[in-house]
Amino acid sequence: NRQFVVFLLIIARTLANISIDIHLPLAPLMAQDLQTSEFKVQLLFIISVALTTVTPLFWGALSDCYGRRALILPSFSLMVLGQFICGAAPTINLLLAARVIQYFGVGAVFTVGLAIICDLFKAQE
């Protein structure tokens, strides 16, 4: 059972990490395709860094109060929903909003996922 949970957390973490870097090579073309400024495209990166840094501050406390499982499943769903909206976004504003949704979920996957690992295994393991 523990190995299955770890496997699921590895998949969630991998999806979260891919979502950070997958659009980096296309950044110059995104401004052109979405008919926007390069600054708004750079906001995609700023959002990912800022929310990845800030959201663990409250996800950790919430997972202590309400439980790890109660938060990891909805946050993973939030991350995946944000990824799908990002993939289908026809405008930069919708893409930016989808990134915010996505990275609220990513922050929880990073934080709560590590807390689950710490709960499942002792330091020696």
N, C-alpha and C. Protein backbone atom coordinates (compact mmCIF):
# COMPACT_ATOMS: atom_id res chain seq x y z
N ASN A 1 0.83 -1.20 0.00
CA ASN A 1 0.00 0.00 0.00
C ASN A 1 0.87 1.26 0.00
N ARG A 2 1.93 1.25 0.79
CA ARG A 2 2.81 2.42 0.84
C ARG A 2 3.49 2.66 -0.50
N GLN A 3 3.88 1.57 -1.17
CA GLN A 3 4.55 1.71 -2.46
C GLN A 3 3.60 2.30 -3.51
N PHE A 4 2.33 1.94 -3.46
CA PHE A 4 1.35 2.48 -4.40
C PHE A 4 1.16 3.98 -4.16
N VAL A 5 1.09 4.39 -2.90
CA VAL A 5 0.95 5.81 -2.58
C VAL A 5 2.17 6.57 -3.07
N VAL A 6 3.35 6.02 -2.85
CA VAL A 6 4.58 6.67 -3.30
C VAL A 6 4.58 6.78 -4.83
N PHE A 7 4.13 5.72 -5.51
CA PHE A 7 4.05 5.74 -6.97
C PHE A 7 3.12 6.85 -7.46
N LEU A 8 1.96 6.98 -6.84
CA LEU A 8 1.02 8.03 -7.21
C LEU A 8 1.60 9.43 -6.96
N LEU A 9 2.31 9.57 -5.84
CA LEU A 9 2.94 10.85 -5.54
C LEU A 9 4.05 11.19 -6.51
N ILE A 10 4.78 10.18 -6.98
CA ILE A 10 5.82 10.41 -7.99
C ILE A 10 5.20 10.89 -9.29
N ILE A 11 4.08 10.28 -9.68
CA ILE A 11 3.39 10.71 -10.90
C ILE A 11 2.90 12.15 -10.74
N ALA A 12 2.30 12.46 -9.60
CA ALA A 12 1.80 13.82 -9.37
C ALA A 12 2.95 14.82 -9.40
N ARG A 13 4.03 14.49 -8.77
CA ARG A 13 5.19 15.40 -8.73
C ARG A 13 5.80 15.57 -10.13
N THR A 14 5.84 14.49 -10.89
CA THR A 14 6.36 14.57 -12.25
C THR A 14 5.50 15.48 -13.11
N LEU A 15 4.18 15.33 -13.02
CA LEU A 15 3.29 16.21 -13.77
C LEU A 15 3.47 17.67 -13.36
N ALA A 16 3.65 17.89 -12.07
CA ALA A 16 3.85 19.25 -11.58
C ALA A 16 5.16 19.83 -12.11
N ASN A 17 6.23 19.04 -12.10
CA ASN A 17 7.52 19.51 -12.60
C ASN A 17 7.50 19.76 -14.10
N ILE A 18 6.82 18.89 -14.84
CA ILE A 18 6.72 19.09 -16.29
C ILE A 18 5.97 20.37 -16.59
N SER A 19 4.93 20.66 -15.82
CA SER A 19 4.13 21.84 -16.09
C SER A 19 4.91 23.14 -15.89
N ILE A 20 5.96 23.08 -15.10
CA ILE A 20 6.79 24.26 -14.88
C ILE A 20 7.61 24.57 -16.12
N ASP A 21 8.18 23.55 -16.73
CA ASP A 21 9.19 23.75 -17.78
C ASP A 21 8.72 23.51 -19.21
N ILE A 22 7.55 22.94 -19.39
CA ILE A 22 7.18 22.48 -20.72
C ILE A 22 7.03 23.61 -21.73
N HIS A 23 6.65 24.76 -21.30
CA HIS A 23 6.42 25.85 -22.25
C HIS A 23 7.62 26.80 -22.41
N LEU A 24 8.69 26.55 -21.71
CA LEU A 24 9.86 27.44 -21.81
C LEU A 24 10.41 27.57 -23.23
N PRO A 25 10.57 26.48 -23.99
CA PRO A 25 11.12 26.65 -25.35
C PRO A 25 10.20 27.44 -26.28
N LEU A 26 8.91 27.48 -25.97
CA LEU A 26 7.96 28.15 -26.85
C LEU A 26 7.63 29.57 -26.43
N ALA A 27 8.26 30.06 -25.40
CA ALA A 27 7.93 31.40 -24.89
C ALA A 27 8.00 32.49 -25.96
N PRO A 28 9.02 32.52 -26.80
CA PRO A 28 9.03 33.58 -27.83
C PRO A 28 7.85 33.49 -28.81
N LEU A 29 7.44 32.27 -29.12
CA LEU A 29 6.34 32.10 -30.06
C LEU A 29 4.97 32.34 -29.42
N MET A 30 4.89 32.17 -28.10
CA MET A 30 3.61 32.34 -27.41
C MET A 30 3.09 33.77 -27.53
N ALA A 31 3.97 34.73 -27.40
CA ALA A 31 3.55 36.12 -27.52
C ALA A 31 2.97 36.40 -28.90
N GLN A 32 3.59 35.83 -29.89
CA GLN A 32 3.12 36.01 -31.26
C GLN A 32 1.80 35.28 -31.49
N ASP A 33 1.71 34.04 -31.07
CA ASP A 33 0.49 33.25 -31.29
C ASP A 33 -0.70 33.78 -30.51
N LEU A 34 -0.46 34.26 -29.30
CA LEU A 34 -1.56 34.77 -28.46
C LEU A 34 -1.78 36.27 -28.65
N GLN A 35 -1.01 36.86 -29.55
CA GLN A 35 -1.12 38.29 -29.86
C GLN A 35 -1.07 39.15 -28.59
N THR A 36 0.01 38.99 -27.87
CA THR A 36 0.20 39.71 -26.62
C THR A 36 1.65 40.16 -26.49
N SER A 37 1.93 40.83 -25.41
CA SER A 37 3.31 41.30 -25.18
C SER A 37 4.15 40.19 -24.56
N GLU A 38 5.45 40.35 -24.68
CA GLU A 38 6.36 39.38 -24.07
C GLU A 38 6.27 39.42 -22.55
N PHE A 39 5.92 40.58 -21.99
CA PHE A 39 5.77 40.68 -20.55
C PHE A 39 4.67 39.77 -20.03
N LYS A 40 3.54 39.73 -20.72
CA LYS A 40 2.45 38.85 -20.27
C LYS A 40 2.84 37.38 -20.36
N VAL A 41 3.64 37.03 -21.34
CA VAL A 41 4.14 35.66 -21.42
C VAL A 41 5.10 35.39 -20.26
N GLN A 42 5.92 36.39 -19.92
CA GLN A 42 6.82 36.22 -18.79
C GLN A 42 6.06 36.11 -17.47
N LEU A 43 4.85 36.68 -17.42
CA LEU A 43 4.03 36.53 -16.22
C LEU A 43 3.70 35.07 -15.94
N LEU A 44 3.64 34.25 -16.98
CA LEU A 44 3.42 32.81 -16.77
C LEU A 44 4.51 32.22 -15.89
N PHE A 45 5.74 32.62 -16.14
CA PHE A 45 6.87 32.13 -15.35
C PHE A 45 6.87 32.73 -13.95
N ILE A 46 6.52 33.99 -13.87
CA ILE A 46 6.47 34.67 -12.57
C ILE A 46 5.41 34.03 -11.69
N ILE A 47 4.26 33.74 -12.26
CA ILE A 47 3.18 33.09 -11.51
C ILE A 47 3.64 31.73 -10.99
N SER A 48 4.29 30.95 -11.85
CA SER A 48 4.71 29.63 -11.40
C SER A 48 5.72 29.69 -10.26
N VAL A 49 6.67 30.60 -10.36
CA VAL A 49 7.68 30.72 -9.29
C VAL A 49 7.06 31.28 -8.02
N ALA A 50 6.25 32.32 -8.15
CA ALA A 50 5.65 32.95 -6.97
C ALA A 50 4.71 32.00 -6.24
N LEU A 51 3.84 31.35 -6.96
CA LEU A 51 2.88 30.46 -6.30
C LEU A 51 3.53 29.19 -5.77
N THR A 52 4.55 28.70 -6.45
CA THR A 52 5.28 27.54 -5.93
C THR A 52 5.99 27.90 -4.63
N THR A 53 6.36 29.15 -4.47
CA THR A 53 7.04 29.61 -3.26
C THR A 53 6.06 29.93 -2.14
N VAL A 54 4.95 30.55 -2.46
CA VAL A 54 4.03 31.05 -1.44
C VAL A 54 3.01 30.01 -0.97
N THR A 55 2.47 29.22 -1.88
CA THR A 55 1.38 28.31 -1.50
C THR A 55 1.75 27.26 -0.45
N PRO A 56 2.99 26.77 -0.40
CA PRO A 56 3.30 25.81 0.67
C PRO A 56 3.10 26.36 2.08
N LEU A 57 3.14 27.68 2.22
CA LEU A 57 2.96 28.28 3.54
C LEU A 57 1.58 27.97 4.13
N PHE A 58 0.55 27.95 3.29
CA PHE A 58 -0.76 27.64 3.83
C PHE A 58 -1.19 26.20 3.58
N TRP A 59 -0.67 25.53 2.54
CA TRP A 59 -1.05 24.14 2.32
C TRP A 59 -0.54 23.24 3.45
N GLY A 60 0.64 23.52 3.95
CA GLY A 60 1.17 22.72 5.06
C GLY A 60 0.31 22.84 6.30
N ALA A 61 -0.07 24.07 6.64
CA ALA A 61 -0.91 24.27 7.82
C ALA A 61 -2.30 23.66 7.62
N LEU A 62 -2.86 23.81 6.42
CA LEU A 62 -4.18 23.23 6.16
C LEU A 62 -4.14 21.70 6.22
N SER A 63 -3.05 21.11 5.73
CA SER A 63 -2.97 19.64 5.78
C SER A 63 -2.80 19.13 7.21
N ASP A 64 -2.19 19.93 8.06
CA ASP A 64 -2.10 19.56 9.48
C ASP A 64 -3.47 19.62 10.14
N CYS A 65 -4.28 20.59 9.76
CA CYS A 65 -5.60 20.76 10.36
C CYS A 65 -6.63 19.77 9.82
N TYR A 66 -6.67 19.60 8.50
CA TYR A 66 -7.74 18.83 7.87
C TYR A 66 -7.33 17.46 7.38
N GLY A 67 -6.06 17.15 7.44
CA GLY A 67 -5.59 15.84 6.99
C GLY A 67 -4.98 15.91 5.60
N ARG A 68 -4.04 15.01 5.39
CA ARG A 68 -3.30 14.99 4.12
C ARG A 68 -4.20 14.54 2.96
N ARG A 69 -4.92 13.45 3.19
CA ARG A 69 -5.75 12.90 2.12
C ARG A 69 -6.87 13.85 1.72
N ALA A 70 -7.41 14.55 2.68
CA ALA A 70 -8.50 15.48 2.39
C ALA A 70 -8.05 16.61 1.46
N LEU A 71 -6.75 16.90 1.44
CA LEU A 71 -6.24 17.99 0.60
C LEU A 71 -5.52 17.52 -0.66
N ILE A 72 -4.86 16.36 -0.62
CA ILE A 72 -4.05 15.96 -1.77
C ILE A 72 -4.91 15.62 -2.98
N LEU A 73 -6.04 14.97 -2.77
CA LEU A 73 -6.87 14.59 -3.92
C LEU A 73 -7.51 15.81 -4.60
N PRO A 74 -8.14 16.73 -3.85
CA PRO A 74 -8.68 17.92 -4.53
C PRO A 74 -7.60 18.81 -5.14
N SER A 75 -6.45 18.90 -4.49
CA SER A 75 -5.39 19.76 -5.04
C SER A 75 -4.80 19.15 -6.31
N PHE A 76 -4.69 17.82 -6.35
CA PHE A 76 -4.23 17.17 -7.58
C PHE A 76 -5.24 17.42 -8.70
N SER A 77 -6.52 17.34 -8.38
CA SER A 77 -7.56 17.63 -9.37
C SER A 77 -7.48 19.07 -9.84
N LEU A 78 -7.21 19.98 -8.92
CA LEU A 78 -7.05 21.39 -9.27
C LEU A 78 -5.88 21.60 -10.22
N MET A 79 -4.79 20.90 -9.95
CA MET A 79 -3.61 20.99 -10.81
C MET A 79 -3.92 20.48 -12.22
N VAL A 80 -4.56 19.33 -12.31
CA VAL A 80 -4.88 18.75 -13.61
C VAL A 80 -5.89 19.61 -14.36
N LEU A 81 -6.90 20.12 -13.66
CA LEU A 81 -7.87 21.01 -14.28
C LEU A 81 -7.18 22.24 -14.86
N GLY A 82 -6.29 22.83 -14.07
CA GLY A 82 -5.53 23.99 -14.55
C GLY A 82 -4.69 23.65 -15.77
N GLN A 83 -4.11 22.45 -15.80
CA GLN A 83 -3.30 22.05 -16.95
C GLN A 83 -4.16 21.92 -18.21
N PHE A 84 -5.34 21.35 -18.07
CA PHE A 84 -6.23 21.23 -19.23
C PHE A 84 -6.69 22.59 -19.72
N ILE A 85 -7.01 23.48 -18.81
CA ILE A 85 -7.43 24.82 -19.22
C ILE A 85 -6.27 25.55 -19.90
N CYS A 86 -5.06 25.37 -19.37
CA CYS A 86 -3.88 25.98 -20.01
C CYS A 86 -3.72 25.47 -21.44
N GLY A 87 -3.93 24.18 -21.62
CA GLY A 87 -3.78 23.59 -22.95
C GLY A 87 -4.80 24.10 -23.95
N ALA A 88 -5.98 24.48 -23.47
CA ALA A 88 -7.05 24.91 -24.36
C ALA A 88 -7.23 26.42 -24.40
N ALA A 89 -6.45 27.16 -23.64
CA ALA A 89 -6.65 28.61 -23.51
C ALA A 89 -6.37 29.33 -24.84
N PRO A 90 -7.37 30.05 -25.35
CA PRO A 90 -7.17 30.78 -26.60
C PRO A 90 -6.59 32.19 -26.40
N THR A 91 -6.61 32.69 -25.15
CA THR A 91 -6.10 34.03 -24.88
C THR A 91 -5.10 33.99 -23.74
N ILE A 92 -4.29 35.02 -23.68
CA ILE A 92 -3.29 35.09 -22.62
C ILE A 92 -3.93 35.28 -21.25
N ASN A 93 -5.03 36.01 -21.18
CA ASN A 93 -5.68 36.24 -19.89
C ASN A 93 -6.25 34.94 -19.31
N LEU A 94 -6.85 34.12 -20.15
CA LEU A 94 -7.34 32.82 -19.69
C LEU A 94 -6.17 31.92 -19.31
N LEU A 95 -5.09 32.00 -20.06
CA LEU A 95 -3.90 31.21 -19.75
C LEU A 95 -3.31 31.62 -18.41
N LEU A 96 -3.26 32.91 -18.14
CA LEU A 96 -2.76 33.38 -16.84
C LEU A 96 -3.66 32.92 -15.70
N ALA A 97 -4.97 33.00 -15.88
CA ALA A 97 -5.91 32.54 -14.84
C ALA A 97 -5.77 31.04 -14.62
N ALA A 98 -5.59 30.30 -15.71
CA ALA A 98 -5.42 28.85 -15.59
C ALA A 98 -4.13 28.51 -14.87
N ARG A 99 -3.09 29.31 -15.07
CA ARG A 99 -1.82 29.06 -14.37
C ARG A 99 -1.99 29.28 -12.86
N VAL A 100 -2.77 30.26 -12.49
CA VAL A 100 -3.02 30.48 -11.06
C VAL A 100 -3.73 29.26 -10.48
N ILE A 101 -4.77 28.79 -11.16
CA ILE A 101 -5.49 27.60 -10.69
C ILE A 101 -4.54 26.41 -10.61
N GLN A 102 -3.77 26.23 -11.66
CA GLN A 102 -2.84 25.11 -11.72
C GLN A 102 -1.83 25.15 -10.58
N TYR A 103 -1.29 26.31 -10.30
CA TYR A 103 -0.22 26.39 -9.31
C TYR A 103 -0.71 26.41 -7.87
N PHE A 104 -1.98 26.67 -7.65
CA PHE A 104 -2.51 26.40 -6.32
C PHE A 104 -2.49 24.90 -6.07
N GLY A 105 -2.81 24.12 -7.09
CA GLY A 105 -2.74 22.67 -6.97
C GLY A 105 -1.32 22.16 -6.89
N VAL A 106 -0.42 22.72 -7.68
CA VAL A 106 0.99 22.30 -7.68
C VAL A 106 1.61 22.53 -6.31
N GLY A 107 1.33 23.66 -5.71
CA GLY A 107 1.87 23.94 -4.37
C GLY A 107 1.47 22.89 -3.36
N ALA A 108 0.24 22.43 -3.45
CA ALA A 108 -0.22 21.39 -2.53
C ALA A 108 0.42 20.04 -2.85
N VAL A 109 0.57 19.74 -4.13
CA VAL A 109 1.20 18.47 -4.51
C VAL A 109 2.63 18.43 -3.97
N PHE A 110 3.36 19.53 -4.09
CA PHE A 110 4.72 19.57 -3.56
C PHE A 110 4.73 19.44 -2.03
N THR A 111 3.93 20.24 -1.37
CA THR A 111 3.97 20.31 0.09
C THR A 111 3.33 19.10 0.76
N VAL A 112 2.10 18.83 0.41
CA VAL A 112 1.36 17.74 1.06
C VAL A 112 1.94 16.40 0.65
N GLY A 113 2.42 16.31 -0.60
CA GLY A 113 3.06 15.07 -1.04
C GLY A 113 4.27 14.71 -0.20
N LEU A 114 5.11 15.69 0.07
CA LEU A 114 6.27 15.42 0.94
C LEU A 114 5.86 15.09 2.36
N ALA A 115 4.80 15.75 2.84
CA ALA A 115 4.31 15.44 4.19
C ALA A 115 3.79 14.01 4.27
N ILE A 116 3.14 13.55 3.21
CA ILE A 116 2.64 12.16 3.19
C ILE A 116 3.82 11.19 3.22
N ILE A 117 4.85 11.48 2.45
CA ILE A 117 6.05 10.62 2.47
C ILE A 117 6.65 10.58 3.87
N CYS A 118 6.73 11.72 4.52
CA CYS A 118 7.28 11.78 5.88
C CYS A 118 6.40 11.02 6.87
N ASP A 119 5.09 11.02 6.64
CA ASP A 119 4.19 10.28 7.51
C ASP A 119 4.29 8.78 7.31
N LEU A 120 4.58 8.35 6.07
CA LEU A 120 4.62 6.93 5.76
C LEU A 120 5.92 6.26 6.16
N PHE A 121 7.02 7.00 6.15
CA PHE A 121 8.33 6.39 6.37
C PHE A 121 9.04 7.06 7.53
N LYS A 122 9.80 6.27 8.25
CA LYS A 122 10.66 6.82 9.30
C LYS A 122 11.94 7.33 8.65
N ALA A 123 12.69 8.15 9.37
CA ALA A 123 13.90 8.78 8.82
C ALA A 123 14.90 7.73 8.34
N GLN A 124 15.01 6.59 9.02
CA GLN A 124 15.98 5.58 8.66
C GLN A 124 15.62 4.88 7.34
N GLU A 125 14.32 4.85 7.02
CA GLU A 125 13.88 4.19 5.79
C GLU A 125 14.16 5.07 4.60
